[in-house]
PDB file of N, CA and C in Angstrom:
ATOM      1  N   UNK A   1       7.847  -9.565 -12.863  1.00  0.00           N
ATOM      2  CA  UNK A   1       6.751  -9.863 -11.950  1.00  0.00           C
ATOM      3  C   UNK A   1       7.253  -9.717 -10.510  1.00  0.00           C
ATOM      4  N   UNK A   2       6.525  -8.974  -9.739  1.00  0.00           N
ATOM      5  CA  UNK A   2       6.890  -8.701  -8.348  1.00  0.00           C
ATOM      6  C   UNK A   2       6.524  -9.880  -7.452  1.00  0.00           C
ATOM      7  N   UNK A   3       7.359 -10.130  -6.468  1.00  0.00           N
ATOM      8  CA  UNK A   3       7.056 -11.136  -5.451  1.00  0.00           C
ATOM      9  C   UNK A   3       6.266 -10.444  -4.348  1.00  0.00           C
ATOM     10  N   UNK A   4       4.958 -10.470  -4.459  1.00  0.00           N
ATOM     11  CA  UNK A   4       4.104  -9.734  -3.537  1.00  0.00           C
ATOM     12  C   UNK A   4       4.142 -10.273  -2.115  1.00  0.00           C
ATOM     13  N   UNK A   5       4.801 -11.399  -1.916  1.00  0.00           N
ATOM     14  CA  UNK A   5       4.976 -11.931  -0.566  1.00  0.00           C
ATOM     15  C   UNK A   5       6.105 -11.214   0.174  1.00  0.00           C
ATOM     16  N   UNK A   6       6.955 -10.520  -0.577  1.00  0.00           N
ATOM     17  CA  UNK A   6       8.046  -9.757   0.031  1.00  0.00           C
ATOM     18  C   UNK A   6       7.433  -8.602   0.831  1.00  0.00           C
ATOM     19  N   UNK A   7       7.760  -8.478   2.119  1.00  0.00           N
ATOM     20  CA  UNK A   7       7.150  -7.452   2.970  1.00  0.00           C
ATOM     21  C   UNK A   7       7.383  -6.015   2.495  1.00  0.00           C
ATOM     22  N   UNK A   8       8.392  -5.775   1.682  1.00  0.00           N
ATOM     23  CA  UNK A   8       8.666  -4.415   1.232  1.00  0.00           C
ATOM     24  C   UNK A   8       7.490  -3.852   0.436  1.00  0.00           C
ATOM     25  N   UNK A   9       6.815  -4.693  -0.326  1.00  0.00           N
ATOM     26  CA  UNK A   9       5.672  -4.236  -1.127  1.00  0.00           C
ATOM     27  C   UNK A   9       4.527  -3.797  -0.222  1.00  0.00           C
ATOM     28  N   UNK A  10       4.271  -4.581   0.811  1.00  0.00           N
ATOM     29  CA  UNK A  10       3.213  -4.227   1.765  1.00  0.00           C
ATOM     30  C   UNK A  10       3.551  -2.899   2.439  1.00  0.00           C
ATOM     31  N   UNK A  11       4.783  -2.751   2.869  1.00  0.00           N
ATOM     32  CA  UNK A  11       5.198  -1.546   3.578  1.00  0.00           C
ATOM     33  C   UNK A  11       5.059  -0.302   2.699  1.00  0.00           C
ATOM     34  N   UNK A  12       5.525  -0.401   1.470  1.00  0.00           N
ATOM     35  CA  UNK A  12       5.465   0.747   0.570  1.00  0.00           C
ATOM     36  C   UNK A  12       4.015   1.100   0.250  1.00  0.00           C
ATOM     37  N   UNK A  13       3.188   0.095  -0.008  1.00  0.00           N
ATOM     38  CA  UNK A  13       1.783   0.347  -0.334  1.00  0.00           C
ATOM     39  C   UNK A  13       1.070   1.005   0.841  1.00  0.00           C
ATOM     40  N   UNK A  14       1.255   0.466   2.036  1.00  0.00           N
ATOM     41  CA  UNK A  14       0.599   1.041   3.212  1.00  0.00           C
ATOM     42  C   UNK A  14       1.104   2.449   3.503  1.00  0.00           C
ATOM     43  N   UNK A  15       2.390   2.667   3.335  1.00  0.00           N
ATOM     44  CA  UNK A  15       2.950   4.003   3.575  1.00  0.00           C
ATOM     45  C   UNK A  15       2.392   5.004   2.565  1.00  0.00           C
ATOM     46  N   UNK A  16       2.267   4.593   1.327  1.00  0.00           N
ATOM     47  CA  UNK A  16       1.686   5.484   0.313  1.00  0.00           C
ATOM     48  C   UNK A  16       0.242   5.817   0.679  1.00  0.00           C
ATOM     49  N   UNK A  17      -0.499   4.846   1.192  1.00  0.00           N
ATOM     50  CA  UNK A  17      -1.868   5.115   1.625  1.00  0.00           C
ATOM     51  C   UNK A  17      -1.887   6.096   2.795  1.00  0.00           C
ATOM     52  N   UNK A  18      -0.969   5.924   3.738  1.00  0.00           N
ATOM     53  CA  UNK A  18      -0.897   6.816   4.892  1.00  0.00           C
ATOM     54  C   UNK A  18      -0.604   8.248   4.452  1.00  0.00           C
ATOM     55  N   UNK A  19       0.241   8.396   3.450  1.00  0.00           N
ATOM     56  CA  UNK A  19       0.695   9.713   2.994  1.00  0.00           C
ATOM     57  C   UNK A  19      -0.138  10.253   1.833  1.00  0.00           C
ATOM     58  N   UNK A  20      -1.272   9.638   1.548  1.00  0.00           N
ATOM     59  CA  UNK A  20      -2.082  10.070   0.400  1.00  0.00           C
ATOM     60  C   UNK A  20      -2.515  11.515   0.575  1.00  0.00           C
ATOM     61  N   UNK A  21      -2.580  12.199  -0.530  1.00  0.00           N
ATOM     62  CA  UNK A  21      -2.997  13.593  -0.526  1.00  0.00           C
ATOM     63  C   UNK A  21      -4.510  13.682  -0.592  1.00  0.00           C
ATOM     64  N   UNK A  22      -5.026  14.800  -0.137  1.00  0.00           N
ATOM     65  CA  UNK A  22      -6.467  15.016  -0.159  1.00  0.00           C
ATOM     66  C   UNK A  22      -6.961  14.873  -1.601  1.00  0.00           C
ATOM     67  N   UNK A  23      -7.997  14.095  -1.772  1.00  0.00           N
ATOM     68  CA  UNK A  23      -8.577  13.887  -3.085  1.00  0.00           C
ATOM     69  C   UNK A  23      -7.909  12.797  -3.901  1.00  0.00           C
ATOM     70  N   UNK A  24      -6.851  12.201  -3.379  1.00  0.00           N
ATOM     71  CA  UNK A  24      -6.153  11.141  -4.090  1.00  0.00           C
ATOM     72  C   UNK A  24      -6.934   9.835  -3.920  1.00  0.00           C
ATOM     73  N   UNK A  25      -7.323   9.249  -5.022  1.00  0.00           N
ATOM     74  CA  UNK A  25      -8.109   8.014  -4.980  1.00  0.00           C
ATOM     75  C   UNK A  25      -7.202   6.795  -4.886  1.00  0.00           C
ATOM     76  N   UNK A  26      -7.818   5.654  -4.614  1.00  0.00           N
ATOM     77  CA  UNK A  26      -7.052   4.409  -4.569  1.00  0.00           C
ATOM     78  C   UNK A  26      -6.465   4.107  -5.948  1.00  0.00           C
ATOM     79  N   UNK A  27      -7.199   4.427  -7.007  1.00  0.00           N
ATOM     80  CA  UNK A  27      -6.666   4.238  -8.354  1.00  0.00           C
ATOM     81  C   UNK A  27      -5.434   5.110  -8.577  1.00  0.00           C
ATOM     82  N   UNK A  28      -5.456   6.327  -8.041  1.00  0.00           N
ATOM     83  CA  UNK A  28      -4.294   7.213  -8.137  1.00  0.00           C
ATOM     84  C   UNK A  28      -3.088   6.613  -7.419  1.00  0.00           C
ATOM     85  N   UNK A  29      -3.336   6.055  -6.249  1.00  0.00           N
ATOM     86  CA  UNK A  29      -2.253   5.439  -5.470  1.00  0.00           C
ATOM     87  C   UNK A  29      -1.655   4.265  -6.229  1.00  0.00           C
ATOM     88  N   UNK A  30      -2.519   3.393  -6.735  1.00  0.00           N
ATOM     89  CA  UNK A  30      -2.034   2.223  -7.477  1.00  0.00           C
ATOM     90  C   UNK A  30      -1.263   2.651  -8.720  1.00  0.00           C
ATOM     91  N   UNK A  31      -1.779   3.637  -9.439  1.00  0.00           N
ATOM     92  CA  UNK A  31      -1.106   4.111 -10.650  1.00  0.00           C
ATOM     93  C   UNK A  31       0.246   4.736 -10.312  1.00  0.00           C
ATOM     94  N   UNK A  32       0.293   5.491  -9.234  1.00  0.00           N
ATOM     95  CA  UNK A  32       1.540   6.124  -8.805  1.00  0.00           C
ATOM     96  C   UNK A  32       2.610   5.074  -8.503  1.00  0.00           C
ATOM     97  N   UNK A  33       2.224   4.043  -7.793  1.00  0.00           N
ATOM     98  CA  UNK A  33       3.176   2.981  -7.464  1.00  0.00           C
ATOM     99  C   UNK A  33       3.562   2.177  -8.703  1.00  0.00           C
ATOM    100  N   UNK A  34       2.611   1.952  -9.597  1.00  0.00           N
ATOM    101  CA  UNK A  34       2.913   1.230 -10.840  1.00  0.00           C
ATOM    102  C   UNK A  34       3.863   2.053 -11.712  1.00  0.00           C
ATOM    103  N   UNK A  35       3.701   3.370 -11.700  1.00  0.00           N
ATOM    104  CA  UNK A  35       4.573   4.245 -12.488  1.00  0.00           C
ATOM    105  C   UNK A  35       6.027   4.171 -12.041  1.00  0.00           C
ATOM    106  N   UNK A  36       6.254   3.803 -10.793  1.00  0.00           N
ATOM    107  CA  UNK A  36       7.635   3.664 -10.315  1.00  0.00           C
ATOM    108  C   UNK A  36       8.297   2.408 -10.858  1.00  0.00           C
ATOM    109  N   UNK A  37       7.482   1.490 -11.400  1.00  0.00           N
ATOM    110  CA  UNK A  37       8.010   0.220 -11.889  1.00  0.00           C
ATOM    111  C   UNK A  37       8.087  -0.832 -10.802  1.00  0.00           C
ATOM    112  N   UNK A  38       7.594  -0.491  -9.631  1.00  0.00           N
ATOM    113  CA  UNK A  38       7.643  -1.433  -8.513  1.00  0.00           C
ATOM    114  C   UNK A  38       6.818  -2.671  -8.809  1.00  0.00           C
ATOM    115  N   UNK A  39       5.648  -2.467  -9.393  1.00  0.00           N
ATOM    116  CA  UNK A  39       4.794  -3.560  -9.834  1.00  0.00           C
ATOM    117  C   UNK A  39       3.788  -3.036 -10.844  1.00  0.00           C
ATOM    118  N   UNK A  40       3.030  -3.920 -11.451  1.00  0.00           N
ATOM    119  CA  UNK A  40       2.037  -3.528 -12.440  1.00  0.00           C
ATOM    120  C   UNK A  40       0.732  -3.151 -11.741  1.00  0.00           C
ATOM    121  N   UNK A  41      -0.181  -2.564 -12.491  1.00  0.00           N
ATOM    122  CA  UNK A  41      -1.496  -2.245 -11.932  1.00  0.00           C
ATOM    123  C   UNK A  41      -2.225  -3.506 -11.481  1.00  0.00           C
ATOM    124  N   UNK A  42      -2.071  -4.580 -12.229  1.00  0.00           N
ATOM    125  CA  UNK A  42      -2.711  -5.840 -11.848  1.00  0.00           C
ATOM    126  C   UNK A  42      -2.138  -6.372 -10.527  1.00  0.00           C
ATOM    127  N   UNK A  43      -0.830  -6.248 -10.379  1.00  0.00           N
ATOM    128  CA  UNK A  43      -0.204  -6.672  -9.122  1.00  0.00           C
ATOM    129  C   UNK A  43      -0.644  -5.768  -7.978  1.00  0.00           C
ATOM    130  N   UNK A  44      -0.797  -4.480  -8.246  1.00  0.00           N
ATOM    131  CA  UNK A  44      -1.276  -3.546  -7.222  1.00  0.00           C
ATOM    132  C   UNK A  44      -2.685  -3.933  -6.783  1.00  0.00           C
ATOM    133  N   UNK A  45      -3.525  -4.312  -7.738  1.00  0.00           N
ATOM    134  CA  UNK A  45      -4.879  -4.776  -7.396  1.00  0.00           C
ATOM    135  C   UNK A  45      -4.832  -6.011  -6.505  1.00  0.00           C
ATOM    136  N   UNK A  46      -3.963  -6.962  -6.858  1.00  0.00           N
ATOM    137  CA  UNK A  46      -3.838  -8.190  -6.048  1.00  0.00           C
ATOM    138  C   UNK A  46      -3.317  -7.876  -4.653  1.00  0.00           C
ATOM    139  N   UNK A  47      -2.358  -6.966  -4.569  1.00  0.00           N
ATOM    140  CA  UNK A  47      -1.803  -6.596  -3.269  1.00  0.00           C
ATOM    141  C   UNK A  47      -2.854  -5.893  -2.417  1.00  0.00           C
ATOM    142  N   UNK A  48      -3.621  -5.000  -3.010  1.00  0.00           N
ATOM    143  CA  UNK A  48      -4.687  -4.327  -2.275  1.00  0.00           C
ATOM    144  C   UNK A  48      -5.708  -5.343  -1.758  1.00  0.00           C
ATOM    145  N   UNK A  49      -6.053  -6.301  -2.585  1.00  0.00           N
ATOM    146  CA  UNK A  49      -6.989  -7.351  -2.157  1.00  0.00           C
ATOM    147  C   UNK A  49      -6.414  -8.132  -0.980  1.00  0.00           C
ATOM    148  N   UNK A  50      -5.130  -8.455  -1.063  1.00  0.00           N
ATOM    149  CA  UNK A  50      -4.453  -9.194   0.014  1.00  0.00           C
ATOM    150  C   UNK A  50      -4.428  -8.362   1.303  1.00  0.00           C
ATOM    151  N   UNK A  51      -4.102  -7.082   1.194  1.00  0.00           N
ATOM    152  CA  UNK A  51      -4.048  -6.212   2.371  1.00  0.00           C
ATOM    153  C   UNK A  51      -5.429  -6.048   3.003  1.00  0.00           C
ATOM    154  N   UNK A  52      -6.448  -6.011   2.171  1.00  0.00           N
ATOM    155  CA  UNK A  52      -7.818  -5.926   2.677  1.00  0.00           C
ATOM    156  C   UNK A  52      -8.184  -7.205   3.409  1.00  0.00           C
ATOM    157  N   UNK A  53      -7.854  -8.333   2.808  1.00  0.00           N
ATOM    158  CA  UNK A  53      -8.143  -9.643   3.418  1.00  0.00           C
ATOM    159  C   UNK A  53      -7.410  -9.810   4.752  1.00  0.00           C
ATOM    160  N   UNK A  54      -6.192  -9.287   4.835  1.00  0.00           N
ATOM    161  CA  UNK A  54      -5.384  -9.419   6.057  1.00  0.00           C
ATOM    162  C   UNK A  54      -5.742  -8.387   7.118  1.00  0.00           C
ATOM    163  N   UNK A  55      -6.654  -7.457   6.805  1.00  0.00           N
ATOM    164  CA  UNK A  55      -7.120  -6.499   7.798  1.00  0.00           C
ATOM    165  C   UNK A  55      -6.347  -5.192   7.867  1.00  0.00           C
ATOM    166  N   UNK A  56      -5.449  -4.952   6.921  1.00  0.00           N
ATOM    167  CA  UNK A  56      -4.694  -3.703   6.905  1.00  0.00           C
ATOM    168  C   UNK A  56      -5.494  -2.566   6.263  1.00  0.00           C
ATOM    169  N   UNK A  57      -6.420  -2.936   5.379  1.00  0.00           N
ATOM    170  CA  UNK A  57      -7.209  -1.962   4.629  1.00  0.00           C
ATOM    171  C   UNK A  57      -8.684  -2.300   4.805  1.00  0.00           C
ATOM    172  N   UNK A  58      -9.490  -1.276   4.978  1.00  0.00           N
ATOM    173  CA  UNK A  58     -10.939  -1.455   5.137  1.00  0.00           C
ATOM    174  C   UNK A  58     -11.645  -1.055   3.850  1.00  0.00           C
ATOM    175  N   UNK A  59     -12.484  -1.946   3.357  1.00  0.00           N
ATOM    176  CA  UNK A  59     -13.281  -1.635   2.176  1.00  0.00           C
ATOM    177  C   UNK A  59     -12.469  -1.319   0.939  1.00  0.00           C
ATOM    178  N   UNK A  60     -11.220  -1.715   0.927  1.00  0.00           N
ATOM    179  CA  UNK A  60     -10.376  -1.449  -0.222  1.00  0.00           C
ATOM    180  C   UNK A  60     -10.036   0.017  -0.429  1.00  0.00           C
ATOM    181  N   UNK A  61     -10.298   0.851   0.578  1.00  0.00           N
ATOM    182  CA  UNK A  61     -10.104   2.290   0.399  1.00  0.00           C
ATOM    183  C   UNK A  61      -9.336   2.991   1.513  1.00  0.00           C
ATOM    184  N   UNK A  62      -9.471   2.532   2.746  1.00  0.00           N
ATOM    185  CA  UNK A  62      -8.832   3.259   3.847  1.00  0.00           C
ATOM    186  C   UNK A  62      -8.083   2.292   4.754  1.00  0.00           C
ATOM    187  N   UNK A  63      -7.088   2.838   5.429  1.00  0.00           N
ATOM    188  CA  UNK A  63      -6.297   2.025   6.355  1.00  0.00           C
ATOM    189  C   UNK A  63      -7.093   1.718   7.613  1.00  0.00           C
ATOM    190  N   UNK A  64      -6.947   0.495   8.088  1.00  0.00           N
ATOM    191  CA  UNK A  64      -7.486   0.128   9.396  1.00  0.00           C
ATOM    192  C   UNK A  64      -6.479   0.594  10.446  1.00  0.00           C
ATOM    193  N   UNK A  65      -6.803   0.431  11.698  1.00  0.00           N
ATOM    194  CA  UNK A  65      -5.851   0.780  12.758  1.00  0.00           C
ATOM    195  C   UNK A  65      -4.575  -0.060  12.611  1.00  0.00           C
ATOM    196  N   UNK A  66      -4.742  -1.319  12.252  1.00  0.00           N
ATOM    197  CA  UNK A  66      -3.593  -2.193  12.011  1.00  0.00           C
ATOM    198  C   UNK A  66      -2.763  -1.649  10.846  1.00  0.00           C
ATOM    199  N   UNK A  67      -3.441  -1.211   9.792  1.00  0.00           N
ATOM    200  CA  UNK A  67      -2.743  -0.653   8.635  1.00  0.00           C
ATOM    201  C   UNK A  67      -1.994   0.626   8.966  1.00  0.00           C
ATOM    202  N   UNK A  68      -2.612   1.486   9.758  1.00  0.00           N
ATOM    203  CA  UNK A  68      -1.954   2.729  10.176  1.00  0.00           C
ATOM    204  C   UNK A  68      -0.705   2.404  10.991  1.00  0.00           C
ATOM    205  N   UNK A  69      -0.821   1.477  11.923  1.00  0.00           N
ATOM    206  CA  UNK A  69       0.327   1.105  12.758  1.00  0.00           C
ATOM    207  C   UNK A  69       1.460   0.543  11.905  1.00  0.00           C
ATOM    208  N   UNK A  70       1.115  -0.318  10.960  1.00  0.00           N
ATOM    209  CA  UNK A  70       2.132  -0.918  10.084  1.00  0.00           C
ATOM    210  C   UNK A  70       2.768   0.143   9.188  1.00  0.00           C
ATOM    211  N   UNK A  71       1.963   1.068   8.683  1.00  0.00           N
ATOM    212  CA  UNK A  71       2.488   2.137   7.827  1.00  0.00           C
ATOM    213  C   UNK A  71       3.431   3.051   8.613  1.00  0.00           C
ATOM    214  N   UNK A  72       3.089   3.338   9.848  1.00  0.00           N
ATOM    215  CA  UNK A  72       3.958   4.190  10.672  1.00  0.00           C
ATOM    216  C   UNK A  72       5.266   3.485  11.003  1.00  0.00           C
ATOM    217  N   UNK A  73       5.208   2.181  11.215  1.00  0.00           N
ATOM    218  CA  UNK A  73       6.445   1.416  11.424  1.00  0.00           C
ATOM    219  C   UNK A  73       7.312   1.471  10.175  1.00  0.00           C
ATOM    220  N   UNK A  74       6.689   1.339   9.017  1.00  0.00           N
ATOM    221  CA  UNK A  74       7.431   1.405   7.754  1.00  0.00           C
ATOM    222  C   UNK A  74       8.055   2.782   7.577  1.00  0.00           C
ATOM    223  N   UNK A  75       7.308   3.825   7.918  1.00  0.00           N
ATOM    224  CA  UNK A  75       7.815   5.189   7.809  1.00  0.00           C
ATOM    225  C   UNK A  75       9.071   5.362   8.660  1.00  0.00           C
ATOM    226  N   UNK A  76       9.028   4.869   9.895  1.00  0.00           N
ATOM    227  CA  UNK A  76      10.199   4.953  10.769  1.00  0.00           C
ATOM    228  C   UNK A  76      11.366   4.167  10.186  1.00  0.00           C
ATOM    229  N   UNK A  77      11.079   2.999   9.664  1.00  0.00           N
ATOM    230  CA  UNK A  77      12.113   2.157   9.089  1.00  0.00           C
ATOM    231  C   UNK A  77      12.771   2.832   7.889  1.00  0.00           C
ATOM    232  N   UNK A  78      11.980   3.475   7.046  1.00  0.00           N
ATOM    233  CA  UNK A  78      12.500   4.089   5.831  1.00  0.00           C
ATOM    234  C   UNK A  78      13.206   5.408   6.111  1.00  0.00           C
ATOM    235  N   UNK A  79      12.966   6.032   7.259  1.00  0.00           N
ATOM    236  CA  UNK A  79      13.619   7.299   7.560  1.00  0.00           C
ATOM    237  C   UNK A  79      14.922   7.123   8.320  1.00  0.00           C
ATOM    238  N   UNK A  80      15.258   5.910   8.672  1.00  0.00           N
ATOM    239  CA  UNK A  80      16.513   5.684   9.396  1.00  0.00           C
ATOM    240  C   UNK A  80      17.712   5.802   8.512  1.00  0.00           C
TER     241      UNK A  80
END
């Protein structure tokens, strides 16, 4: 069971949303992350709900400006 309070999960999820390919659905994103073993689909659903509640994601589908900024920070952090 993943500790969804750990900021790494938020960063990876937001970065995956930022880098989503054309036509890639939110279900595709969640499944892709679950396939890595990072967390389960149920945990991905809970994390998406949390990110939406915190204002990082709008309507459970797209990044808000806050989400884009956080995802870009994560991208810089992961490329160092």
